[in-house]
């Protein structure tokens, strides 16, 4: 018997990241590409809710942090008993150590 899907929650920072990605993609590549990219991110969230172990552990950043690549971005998340908590959604070129420096 498989375990039930976990709810996926986005922190306020992750919500801001998602909106910034949406706006940037629309501005640079148009509405159609914006919709495609947003669909890829939303599908990634659903996939992580179904199988939170897919992400790569990032113990170098925090003991319970995972990273999951979605096109040009990386979804950084933690798992809880019944949830996947998306901490940030950062471009692959981002200095992650600087941005995530204050994680507990």
PDB file of N, CA and C in Angstrom:
ATOM      1  N   UNK A   1       0.843  -1.178   0.000  1.00  0.00           N
ATOM      2  CA  UNK A   1       0.000   0.000   0.000  1.00  0.00           C
ATOM      3  C   UNK A   1       0.892   1.246   0.000  1.00  0.00           C
ATOM      4  N   UNK A   2       0.619   2.168  -0.889  1.00  0.00           N
ATOM      5  CA  UNK A   2       1.445   3.371  -0.967  1.00  0.00           C
ATOM      6  C   UNK A   2       0.975   4.400   0.060  1.00  0.00           C
ATOM      7  N   UNK A   3       1.899   5.269   0.431  1.00  0.00           N
ATOM      8  CA  UNK A   3       1.548   6.308   1.398  1.00  0.00           C
ATOM      9  C   UNK A   3       0.776   7.415   0.690  1.00  0.00           C
ATOM     10  N   UNK A   4      -0.080   8.105   1.413  1.00  0.00           N
ATOM     11  CA  UNK A   4      -0.865   9.174   0.795  1.00  0.00           C
ATOM     12  C   UNK A   4       0.027  10.340   0.380  1.00  0.00           C
ATOM     13  N   UNK A   5      -0.448  11.059  -0.614  1.00  0.00           N
ATOM     14  CA  UNK A   5       0.289  12.238  -1.065  1.00  0.00           C
ATOM     15  C   UNK A   5       0.378  13.256   0.061  1.00  0.00           C
ATOM     16  N   UNK A   6       1.485  13.945   0.076  1.00  0.00           N
ATOM     17  CA  UNK A   6       1.669  15.026   1.051  1.00  0.00           C
ATOM     18  C   UNK A   6       1.216  16.329   0.414  1.00  0.00           C
ATOM     19  N   UNK A   7       0.701  17.197   1.223  1.00  0.00           N
ATOM     20  CA  UNK A   7       0.345  18.525   0.753  1.00  0.00           C
ATOM     21  C   UNK A   7       1.646  19.291   0.521  1.00  0.00           C
ATOM     22  N   UNK A   8       1.663  20.135  -0.501  1.00  0.00           N
ATOM     23  CA  UNK A   8       2.841  20.946  -0.791  1.00  0.00           C
ATOM     24  C   UNK A   8       2.529  22.383  -0.388  1.00  0.00           C
ATOM     25  N   UNK A   9       3.351  22.912   0.503  1.00  0.00           N
ATOM     26  CA  UNK A   9       3.183  24.271   1.007  1.00  0.00           C
ATOM     27  C   UNK A   9       4.364  25.122   0.561  1.00  0.00           C
ATOM     28  N   UNK A  10       4.092  26.338   0.137  1.00  0.00           N
ATOM     29  CA  UNK A  10       5.150  27.267  -0.254  1.00  0.00           C
ATOM     30  C   UNK A  10       5.299  28.336   0.821  1.00  0.00           C
ATOM     31  N   UNK A  11       6.531  28.561   1.250  1.00  0.00           N
ATOM     32  CA  UNK A  11       6.789  29.659   2.181  1.00  0.00           C
ATOM     33  C   UNK A  11       6.530  30.976   1.458  1.00  0.00           C
ATOM     34  N   UNK A  12       6.395  32.074   2.179  1.00  0.00           N
ATOM     35  CA  UNK A  12       6.240  33.372   1.510  1.00  0.00           C
ATOM     36  C   UNK A  12       7.386  33.663   0.531  1.00  0.00           C
ATOM     37  N   UNK A  13       8.616  33.307   0.889  1.00  0.00           N
ATOM     38  CA  UNK A  13       9.741  33.513  -0.034  1.00  0.00           C
ATOM     39  C   UNK A  13       9.559  32.695  -1.307  1.00  0.00           C
ATOM     40  N   UNK A  14       9.119  31.455  -1.175  1.00  0.00           N
ATOM     41  CA  UNK A  14       8.902  30.602  -2.345  1.00  0.00           C
ATOM     42  C   UNK A  14       7.759  31.145  -3.202  1.00  0.00           C
ATOM     43  N   UNK A  15       6.712  31.674  -2.571  1.00  0.00           N
ATOM     44  CA  UNK A  15       5.617  32.290  -3.324  1.00  0.00           C
ATOM     45  C   UNK A  15       6.128  33.488  -4.117  1.00  0.00           C
ATOM     46  N   UNK A  16       6.985  34.306  -3.480  1.00  0.00           N
ATOM     47  CA  UNK A  16       7.583  35.450  -4.173  1.00  0.00           C
ATOM     48  C   UNK A  16       8.454  34.983  -5.337  1.00  0.00           C
ATOM     49  N   UNK A  17       9.219  33.919  -5.115  1.00  0.00           N
ATOM     50  CA  UNK A  17      10.059  33.371  -6.182  1.00  0.00           C
ATOM     51  C   UNK A  17       9.206  32.931  -7.364  1.00  0.00           C
ATOM     52  N   UNK A  18       8.121  32.214  -7.082  1.00  0.00           N
ATOM     53  CA  UNK A  18       7.247  31.714  -8.135  1.00  0.00           C
ATOM     54  C   UNK A  18       6.656  32.866  -8.948  1.00  0.00           C
ATOM     55  N   UNK A  19       6.239  33.906  -8.272  1.00  0.00           N
ATOM     56  CA  UNK A  19       5.679  35.069  -8.965  1.00  0.00           C
ATOM     57  C   UNK A  19       6.751  35.784  -9.794  1.00  0.00           C
ATOM     58  N   UNK A  20       7.948  35.917  -9.262  1.00  0.00           N
ATOM     59  CA  UNK A  20       9.037  36.562 -10.013  1.00  0.00           C
ATOM     60  C   UNK A  20       9.390  35.754 -11.258  1.00  0.00           C
ATOM     61  N   UNK A  21       9.408  34.440 -11.139  1.00  0.00           N
ATOM     62  CA  UNK A  21       9.682  33.574 -12.291  1.00  0.00           C
ATOM     63  C   UNK A  21       8.592  33.758 -13.334  1.00  0.00           C
ATOM     64  N   UNK A  22       7.346  33.790 -12.895  1.00  0.00           N
ATOM     65  CA  UNK A  22       6.218  33.966 -13.807  1.00  0.00           C
ATOM     66  C   UNK A  22       6.330  35.291 -14.568  1.00  0.00           C
ATOM     67  N   UNK A  23       6.566  36.364 -13.848  1.00  0.00           N
ATOM     68  CA  UNK A  23       6.652  37.685 -14.475  1.00  0.00           C
ATOM     69  C   UNK A  23       7.841  37.788 -15.426  1.00  0.00           C
ATOM     70  N   UNK A  24       8.987  37.296 -15.008  1.00  0.00           N
ATOM     71  CA  UNK A  24      10.184  37.352 -15.849  1.00  0.00           C
ATOM     72  C   UNK A  24       9.992  36.544 -17.129  1.00  0.00           C
ATOM     73  N   UNK A  25       9.443  35.341 -16.978  1.00  0.00           N
ATOM     74  CA  UNK A  25       9.240  34.487 -18.144  1.00  0.00           C
ATOM     75  C   UNK A  25       8.279  35.146 -19.121  1.00  0.00           C
ATOM     76  N   UNK A  26       7.204  35.739 -18.625  1.00  0.00           N
ATOM     77  CA  UNK A  26       6.241  36.422 -19.506  1.00  0.00           C
ATOM     78  C   UNK A  26       6.909  37.587 -20.228  1.00  0.00           C
ATOM     79  N   UNK A  27       7.669  38.377 -19.489  1.00  0.00           N
ATOM     80  CA  UNK A  27       8.316  39.551 -20.068  1.00  0.00           C
ATOM     81  C   UNK A  27       9.334  39.156 -21.139  1.00  0.00           C
ATOM     82  N   UNK A  28      10.114  38.127 -20.879  1.00  0.00           N
ATOM     83  CA  UNK A  28      11.186  37.741 -21.795  1.00  0.00           C
ATOM     84  C   UNK A  28      10.730  36.851 -22.943  1.00  0.00           C
ATOM     85  N   UNK A  29       9.770  35.952 -22.681  1.00  0.00           N
ATOM     86  CA  UNK A  29       9.428  34.946 -23.688  1.00  0.00           C
ATOM     87  C   UNK A  29       7.943  34.828 -24.004  1.00  0.00           C
ATOM     88  N   UNK A  30       7.100  35.641 -23.354  1.00  0.00           N
ATOM     89  CA  UNK A  30       5.685  35.664 -23.707  1.00  0.00           C
ATOM     90  C   UNK A  30       4.801  34.779 -22.851  1.00  0.00           C
ATOM     91  N   UNK A  31       3.496  34.960 -23.079  1.00  0.00           N
ATOM     92  CA  UNK A  31       2.492  34.279 -22.264  1.00  0.00           C
ATOM     93  C   UNK A  31       2.508  32.769 -22.436  1.00  0.00           C
ATOM     94  N   UNK A  32       2.720  32.302 -23.642  1.00  0.00           N
ATOM     95  CA  UNK A  32       2.707  30.859 -23.868  1.00  0.00           C
ATOM     96  C   UNK A  32       3.839  30.179 -23.105  1.00  0.00           C
ATOM     97  N   UNK A  33       5.042  30.748 -23.169  1.00  0.00           N
ATOM     98  CA  UNK A  33       6.170  30.164 -22.450  1.00  0.00           C
ATOM     99  C   UNK A  33       5.977  30.291 -20.938  1.00  0.00           C
ATOM    100  N   UNK A  34       5.366  31.386 -20.512  1.00  0.00           N
ATOM    101  CA  UNK A  34       5.055  31.543 -19.086  1.00  0.00           C
ATOM    102  C   UNK A  34       4.166  30.393 -18.616  1.00  0.00           C
ATOM    103  N   UNK A  35       3.141  30.097 -19.382  1.00  0.00           N
ATOM    104  CA  UNK A  35       2.216  29.019 -19.020  1.00  0.00           C
ATOM    105  C   UNK A  35       2.928  27.662 -18.998  1.00  0.00           C
ATOM    106  N   UNK A  36       3.795  27.431 -19.961  1.00  0.00           N
ATOM    107  CA  UNK A  36       4.542  26.170 -20.018  1.00  0.00           C
ATOM    108  C   UNK A  36       5.451  26.025 -18.804  1.00  0.00           C
ATOM    109  N   UNK A  37       6.164  27.105 -18.472  1.00  0.00           N
ATOM    110  CA  UNK A  37       7.106  27.052 -17.348  1.00  0.00           C
ATOM    111  C   UNK A  37       6.363  26.896 -16.020  1.00  0.00           C
ATOM    112  N   UNK A  38       5.276  27.623 -15.862  1.00  0.00           N
ATOM    113  CA  UNK A  38       4.496  27.506 -14.626  1.00  0.00           C
ATOM    114  C   UNK A  38       3.928  26.097 -14.482  1.00  0.00           C
ATOM    115  N   UNK A  39       3.468  25.523 -15.593  1.00  0.00           N
ATOM    116  CA  UNK A  39       2.949  24.153 -15.553  1.00  0.00           C
ATOM    117  C   UNK A  39       4.043  23.174 -15.123  1.00  0.00           C
ATOM    118  N   UNK A  40       5.273  23.390 -15.596  1.00  0.00           N
ATOM    119  CA  UNK A  40       6.388  22.513 -15.209  1.00  0.00           C
ATOM    120  C   UNK A  40       6.659  22.622 -13.711  1.00  0.00           C
ATOM    121  N   UNK A  41       6.616  23.825 -13.174  1.00  0.00           N
ATOM    122  CA  UNK A  41       6.841  23.995 -11.737  1.00  0.00           C
ATOM    123  C   UNK A  41       5.707  23.380 -10.924  1.00  0.00           C
ATOM    124  N   UNK A  42       4.473  23.598 -11.337  1.00  0.00           N
ATOM    125  CA  UNK A  42       3.339  23.032 -10.611  1.00  0.00           C
ATOM    126  C   UNK A  42       3.355  21.505 -10.672  1.00  0.00           C
ATOM    127  N   UNK A  43       3.754  20.957 -11.813  1.00  0.00           N
ATOM    128  CA  UNK A  43       3.874  19.502 -11.919  1.00  0.00           C
ATOM    129  C   UNK A  43       4.966  18.988 -10.987  1.00  0.00           C
ATOM    130  N   UNK A  44       6.065  19.733 -10.890  1.00  0.00           N
ATOM    131  CA  UNK A  44       7.146  19.344  -9.978  1.00  0.00           C
ATOM    132  C   UNK A  44       6.655  19.312  -8.536  1.00  0.00           C
ATOM    133  N   UNK A  45       5.841  20.293  -8.151  1.00  0.00           N
ATOM    134  CA  UNK A  45       5.295  20.303  -6.787  1.00  0.00           C
ATOM    135  C   UNK A  45       4.438  19.062  -6.557  1.00  0.00           C
ATOM    136  N   UNK A  46       3.592  18.727  -7.532  1.00  0.00           N
ATOM    137  CA  UNK A  46       2.738  17.541  -7.409  1.00  0.00           C
ATOM    138  C   UNK A  46       3.594  16.280  -7.311  1.00  0.00           C
ATOM    139  N   UNK A  47       4.637  16.209  -8.112  1.00  0.00           N
ATOM    140  CA  UNK A  47       5.530  15.057  -8.092  1.00  0.00           C
ATOM    141  C   UNK A  47       6.204  14.917  -6.731  1.00  0.00           C
ATOM    142  N   UNK A  48       6.659  16.035  -6.173  1.00  0.00           N
ATOM    143  CA  UNK A  48       7.289  15.990  -4.848  1.00  0.00           C
ATOM    144  C   UNK A  48       6.288  15.604  -3.768  1.00  0.00           C
ATOM    145  N   UNK A  49       5.032  16.020  -3.920  1.00  0.00           N
ATOM    146  CA  UNK A  49       4.000  15.616  -2.968  1.00  0.00           C
ATOM    147  C   UNK A  49       3.772  14.111  -2.996  1.00  0.00           C
ATOM    148  N   UNK A  50       3.914  13.519  -4.185  1.00  0.00           N
ATOM    149  CA  UNK A  50       3.751  12.074  -4.340  1.00  0.00           C
ATOM    150  C   UNK A  50       4.989  11.305  -3.890  1.00  0.00           C
ATOM    151  N   UNK A  51       6.170  11.890  -4.124  1.00  0.00           N
ATOM    152  CA  UNK A  51       7.414  11.198  -3.799  1.00  0.00           C
ATOM    153  C   UNK A  51       8.468  12.201  -3.339  1.00  0.00           C
ATOM    154  N   UNK A  52       8.410  12.612  -2.085  1.00  0.00           N
ATOM    155  CA  UNK A  52       9.324  13.630  -1.579  1.00  0.00           C
ATOM    156  C   UNK A  52      10.789  13.212  -1.563  1.00  0.00           C
ATOM    157  N   UNK A  53      11.062  11.930  -1.707  1.00  0.00           N
ATOM    158  CA  UNK A  53      12.446  11.457  -1.688  1.00  0.00           C
ATOM    159  C   UNK A  53      13.161  11.671  -3.021  1.00  0.00           C
ATOM    160  N   UNK A  54      12.477  12.196  -4.024  1.00  0.00           N
ATOM    161  CA  UNK A  54      13.104  12.400  -5.332  1.00  0.00           C
ATOM    162  C   UNK A  54      14.222  13.431  -5.315  1.00  0.00           C
ATOM    163  N   UNK A  55      14.101  14.427  -4.471  1.00  0.00           N
ATOM    164  CA  UNK A  55      15.103  15.480  -4.425  1.00  0.00           C
ATOM    165  C   UNK A  55      16.417  15.004  -3.849  1.00  0.00           C
ATOM    166  N   UNK A  56      17.462  15.705  -4.228  1.00  0.00           N
ATOM    167  CA  UNK A  56      18.809  15.389  -3.741  1.00  0.00           C
ATOM    168  C   UNK A  56      19.019  16.040  -2.368  1.00  0.00           C
ATOM    169  N   UNK A  57      19.466  15.277  -1.386  1.00  0.00           N
ATOM    170  CA  UNK A  57      19.752  15.879  -0.079  1.00  0.00           C
ATOM    171  C   UNK A  57      20.826  16.960  -0.207  1.00  0.00           C
ATOM    172  N   UNK A  58      20.618  18.078   0.478  1.00  0.00           N
ATOM    173  CA  UNK A  58      21.594  19.166   0.492  1.00  0.00           C
ATOM    174  C   UNK A  58      22.021  19.429   1.923  1.00  0.00           C
ATOM    175  N   UNK A  59      22.615  18.423   2.533  1.00  0.00           N
ATOM    176  CA  UNK A  59      23.065  18.530   3.925  1.00  0.00           C
ATOM    177  C   UNK A  59      24.152  19.578   4.099  1.00  0.00           C
ATOM    178  N   UNK A  60      24.806  19.934   2.997  1.00  0.00           N
ATOM    179  CA  UNK A  60      25.820  20.982   3.059  1.00  0.00           C
ATOM    180  C   UNK A  60      25.189  22.346   3.361  1.00  0.00           C
ATOM    181  N   UNK A  61      23.888  22.476   3.105  1.00  0.00           N
ATOM    182  CA  UNK A  61      23.183  23.736   3.349  1.00  0.00           C
ATOM    183  C   UNK A  61      22.360  23.692   4.642  1.00  0.00           C
ATOM    184  N   UNK A  62      21.710  22.562   4.879  1.00  0.00           N
ATOM    185  CA  UNK A  62      20.924  22.343   6.100  1.00  0.00           C
ATOM    186  C   UNK A  62      20.657  20.845   6.194  1.00  0.00           C
ATOM    187  N   UNK A  63      20.579  20.334   7.384  1.00  0.00           N
ATOM    188  CA  UNK A  63      20.507  18.881   7.586  1.00  0.00           C
ATOM    189  C   UNK A  63      19.286  18.232   6.941  1.00  0.00           C
ATOM    190  N   UNK A  64      18.202  18.973   6.798  1.00  0.00           N
ATOM    191  CA  UNK A  64      16.973  18.378   6.279  1.00  0.00           C
ATOM    192  C   UNK A  64      16.523  18.972   4.943  1.00  0.00           C
ATOM    193  N   UNK A  65      17.417  19.643   4.245  1.00  0.00           N
ATOM    194  CA  UNK A  65      17.065  20.318   2.992  1.00  0.00           C
ATOM    195  C   UNK A  65      17.301  19.404   1.797  1.00  0.00           C
ATOM    196  N   UNK A  66      16.386  19.501   0.823  1.00  0.00           N
ATOM    197  CA  UNK A  66      16.498  18.760  -0.432  1.00  0.00           C
ATOM    198  C   UNK A  66      16.400  19.736  -1.598  1.00  0.00           C
ATOM    199  N   UNK A  67      16.932  19.324  -2.745  1.00  0.00           N
ATOM    200  CA  UNK A  67      16.892  20.141  -3.955  1.00  0.00           C
ATOM    201  C   UNK A  67      16.357  19.299  -5.106  1.00  0.00           C
ATOM    202  N   UNK A  68      15.477  19.902  -5.910  1.00  0.00           N
ATOM    203  CA  UNK A  68      14.865  19.208  -7.041  1.00  0.00           C
ATOM    204  C   UNK A  68      14.918  20.134  -8.246  1.00  0.00           C
ATOM    205  N   UNK A  69      15.598  19.694  -9.290  1.00  0.00           N
ATOM    206  CA  UNK A  69      15.793  20.507 -10.487  1.00  0.00           C
ATOM    207  C   UNK A  69      14.543  20.516 -11.350  1.00  0.00           C
ATOM    208  N   UNK A  70      14.130  21.726 -11.742  1.00  0.00           N
ATOM    209  CA  UNK A  70      13.004  21.910 -12.655  1.00  0.00           C
ATOM    210  C   UNK A  70      13.455  22.908 -13.713  1.00  0.00           C
ATOM    211  N   UNK A  71      13.819  22.383 -14.868  1.00  0.00           N
ATOM    212  CA  UNK A  71      14.340  23.207 -15.968  1.00  0.00           C
ATOM    213  C   UNK A  71      15.520  24.047 -15.496  1.00  0.00           C
ATOM    214  N   UNK A  72      15.399  25.368 -15.485  1.00  0.00           N
ATOM    215  CA  UNK A  72      16.504  26.246 -15.099  1.00  0.00           C
ATOM    216  C   UNK A  72      16.503  26.592 -13.613  1.00  0.00           C
ATOM    217  N   UNK A  73      15.531  26.083 -12.876  1.00  0.00           N
ATOM    218  CA  UNK A  73      15.391  26.427 -11.462  1.00  0.00           C
ATOM    219  C   UNK A  73      15.543  25.202 -10.571  1.00  0.00           C
ATOM    220  N   UNK A  74      15.828  25.479  -9.310  1.00  0.00           N
ATOM    221  CA  UNK A  74      15.953  24.418  -8.315  1.00  0.00           C
ATOM    222  C   UNK A  74      14.961  24.716  -7.193  1.00  0.00           C
ATOM    223  N   UNK A  75      14.151  23.719  -6.891  1.00  0.00           N
ATOM    224  CA  UNK A  75      13.195  23.820  -5.796  1.00  0.00           C
ATOM    225  C   UNK A  75      13.890  23.283  -4.540  1.00  0.00           C
ATOM    226  N   UNK A  76      14.032  24.134  -3.538  1.00  0.00           N
ATOM    227  CA  UNK A  76      14.619  23.735  -2.254  1.00  0.00           C
ATOM    228  C   UNK A  76      13.473  23.512  -1.278  1.00  0.00           C
ATOM    229  N   UNK A  77      13.473  22.339  -0.645  1.00  0.00           N
ATOM    230  CA  UNK A  77      12.339  21.990   0.197  1.00  0.00           C
ATOM    231  C   UNK A  77      12.754  21.110   1.372  1.00  0.00           C
ATOM    232  N   UNK A  78      11.841  21.057   2.327  1.00  0.00           N
ATOM    233  CA  UNK A  78      11.955  20.175   3.485  1.00  0.00           C
ATOM    234  C   UNK A  78      10.704  19.304   3.513  1.00  0.00           C
ATOM    235  N   UNK A  79      10.814  18.179   4.185  1.00  0.00           N
ATOM    236  CA  UNK A  79       9.642  17.329   4.326  1.00  0.00           C
ATOM    237  C   UNK A  79       9.200  17.288   5.779  1.00  0.00           C
ATOM    238  N   UNK A  80       7.911  17.161   5.947  1.00  0.00           N
ATOM    239  CA  UNK A  80       7.302  16.955   7.251  1.00  0.00           C
ATOM    240  C   UNK A  80       6.463  15.685   7.133  1.00  0.00           C
ATOM    241  N   UNK A  81       5.894  15.253   8.211  1.00  0.00           N
ATOM    242  CA  UNK A  81       5.152  13.995   8.199  1.00  0.00           C
ATOM    243  C   UNK A  81       4.074  13.978   7.120  1.00  0.00           C
ATOM    244  N   UNK A  82       3.355  15.083   6.954  1.00  0.00           N
ATOM    245  CA  UNK A  82       2.253  15.107   5.994  1.00  0.00           C
ATOM    246  C   UNK A  82       2.381  16.230   4.967  1.00  0.00           C
ATOM    247  N   UNK A  83       3.589  16.816   4.830  1.00  0.00           N
ATOM    248  CA  UNK A  83       3.744  17.949   3.919  1.00  0.00           C
ATOM    249  C   UNK A  83       5.144  18.013   3.326  1.00  0.00           C
ATOM    250  N   UNK A  84       5.200  18.662   2.186  1.00  0.00           N
ATOM    251  CA  UNK A  84       6.462  19.081   1.581  1.00  0.00           C
ATOM    252  C   UNK A  84       6.440  20.598   1.660  1.00  0.00           C
ATOM    253  N   UNK A  85       7.460  21.172   2.255  1.00  0.00           N
ATOM    254  CA  UNK A  85       7.504  22.618   2.455  1.00  0.00           C
ATOM    255  C   UNK A  85       8.569  23.201   1.538  1.00  0.00           C
ATOM    256  N   UNK A  86       8.123  23.929   0.514  1.00  0.00           N
ATOM    257  CA  UNK A  86       9.036  24.544  -0.437  1.00  0.00           C
ATOM    258  C   UNK A  86       9.580  25.821   0.198  1.00  0.00           C
ATOM    259  N   UNK A  87      10.893  25.855   0.373  1.00  0.00           N
ATOM    260  CA  UNK A  87      11.554  26.976   1.031  1.00  0.00           C
ATOM    261  C   UNK A  87      11.840  28.090   0.023  1.00  0.00           C
ATOM    262  N   UNK A  88      12.431  27.718  -1.106  1.00  0.00           N
ATOM    263  CA  UNK A  88      12.774  28.686  -2.155  1.00  0.00           C
ATOM    264  C   UNK A  88      12.734  27.985  -3.507  1.00  0.00           C
ATOM    265  N   UNK A  89      12.587  28.785  -4.567  1.00  0.00           N
ATOM    266  CA  UNK A  89      12.699  28.320  -5.945  1.00  0.00           C
ATOM    267  C   UNK A  89      13.704  29.260  -6.598  1.00  0.00           C
ATOM    268  N   UNK A  90      14.925  28.776  -6.802  1.00  0.00           N
ATOM    269  CA  UNK A  90      16.022  29.644  -7.226  1.00  0.00           C
ATOM    270  C   UNK A  90      16.572  29.207  -8.579  1.00  0.00           C
ATOM    271  N   UNK A  91      17.002  30.181  -9.344  1.00  0.00           N
ATOM    272  CA  UNK A  91      17.648  29.881 -10.619  1.00  0.00           C
ATOM    273  C   UNK A  91      18.912  29.078 -10.342  1.00  0.00           C
ATOM    274  N   UNK A  92      19.248  28.193 -11.247  1.00  0.00           N
ATOM    275  CA  UNK A  92      20.411  27.339 -11.077  1.00  0.00           C
ATOM    276  C   UNK A  92      21.721  28.086 -10.912  1.00  0.00           C
ATOM    277  N   UNK A  93      21.786  29.315 -11.376  1.00  0.00           N
ATOM    278  CA  UNK A  93      23.018  30.113 -11.263  1.00  0.00           C
ATOM    279  C   UNK A  93      23.096  30.933  -9.970  1.00  0.00           C
ATOM    280  N   UNK A  94      22.075  30.861  -9.165  1.00  0.00           N
ATOM    281  CA  UNK A  94      22.032  31.635  -7.923  1.00  0.00           C
ATOM    282  C   UNK A  94      23.083  31.136  -6.936  1.00  0.00           C
ATOM    283  N   UNK A  95      23.687  32.053  -6.211  1.00  0.00           N
ATOM    284  CA  UNK A  95      24.605  31.701  -5.130  1.00  0.00           C
ATOM    285  C   UNK A  95      23.755  31.223  -3.952  1.00  0.00           C
ATOM    286  N   UNK A  96      23.483  29.947  -3.937  1.00  0.00           N
ATOM    287  CA  UNK A  96      22.563  29.353  -2.968  1.00  0.00           C
ATOM    288  C   UNK A  96      23.042  29.546  -1.539  1.00  0.00           C
ATOM    289  N   UNK A  97      24.307  29.421  -1.307  1.00  0.00           N
ATOM    290  CA  UNK A  97      24.826  29.569   0.062  1.00  0.00           C
ATOM    291  C   UNK A  97      24.537  30.968   0.602  1.00  0.00           C
ATOM    292  N   UNK A  98      24.636  31.964  -0.245  1.00  0.00           N
ATOM    293  CA  UNK A  98      24.343  33.337   0.200  1.00  0.00           C
ATOM    294  C   UNK A  98      22.852  33.515   0.486  1.00  0.00           C
ATOM    295  N   UNK A  99      22.024  33.001  -0.400  1.00  0.00           N
ATOM    296  CA  UNK A  99      20.570  33.184  -0.253  1.00  0.00           C
ATOM    297  C   UNK A  99      20.023  32.377   0.912  1.00  0.00           C
ATOM    298  N   UNK A 100      20.500  31.165   1.073  1.00  0.00           N
ATOM    299  CA  UNK A 100      19.971  30.281   2.120  1.00  0.00           C
ATOM    300  C   UNK A 100      20.830  30.281   3.386  1.00  0.00           C
ATOM    301  N   UNK A 101      21.637  31.262   3.552  1.00  0.00           N
ATOM    302  CA  UNK A 101      22.579  31.342   4.661  1.00  0.00           C
ATOM    303  C   UNK A 101      21.903  31.307   6.028  1.00  0.00           C
ATOM    304  N   UNK A 102      20.700  31.822   6.149  1.00  0.00           N
ATOM    305  CA  UNK A 102      20.047  31.937   7.454  1.00  0.00           C
ATOM    306  C   UNK A 102      19.090  30.808   7.770  1.00  0.00           C
ATOM    307  N   UNK A 103      19.135  29.724   7.023  1.00  0.00           N
ATOM    308  CA  UNK A 103      18.224  28.613   7.318  1.00  0.00           C
ATOM    309  C   UNK A 103      18.586  27.975   8.655  1.00  0.00           C
ATOM    310  N   UNK A 104      17.567  27.691   9.457  1.00  0.00           N
ATOM    311  CA  UNK A 104      17.829  27.002  10.729  1.00  0.00           C
ATOM    312  C   UNK A 104      18.187  25.548  10.511  1.00  0.00           C
TER     313      UNK A 104
END
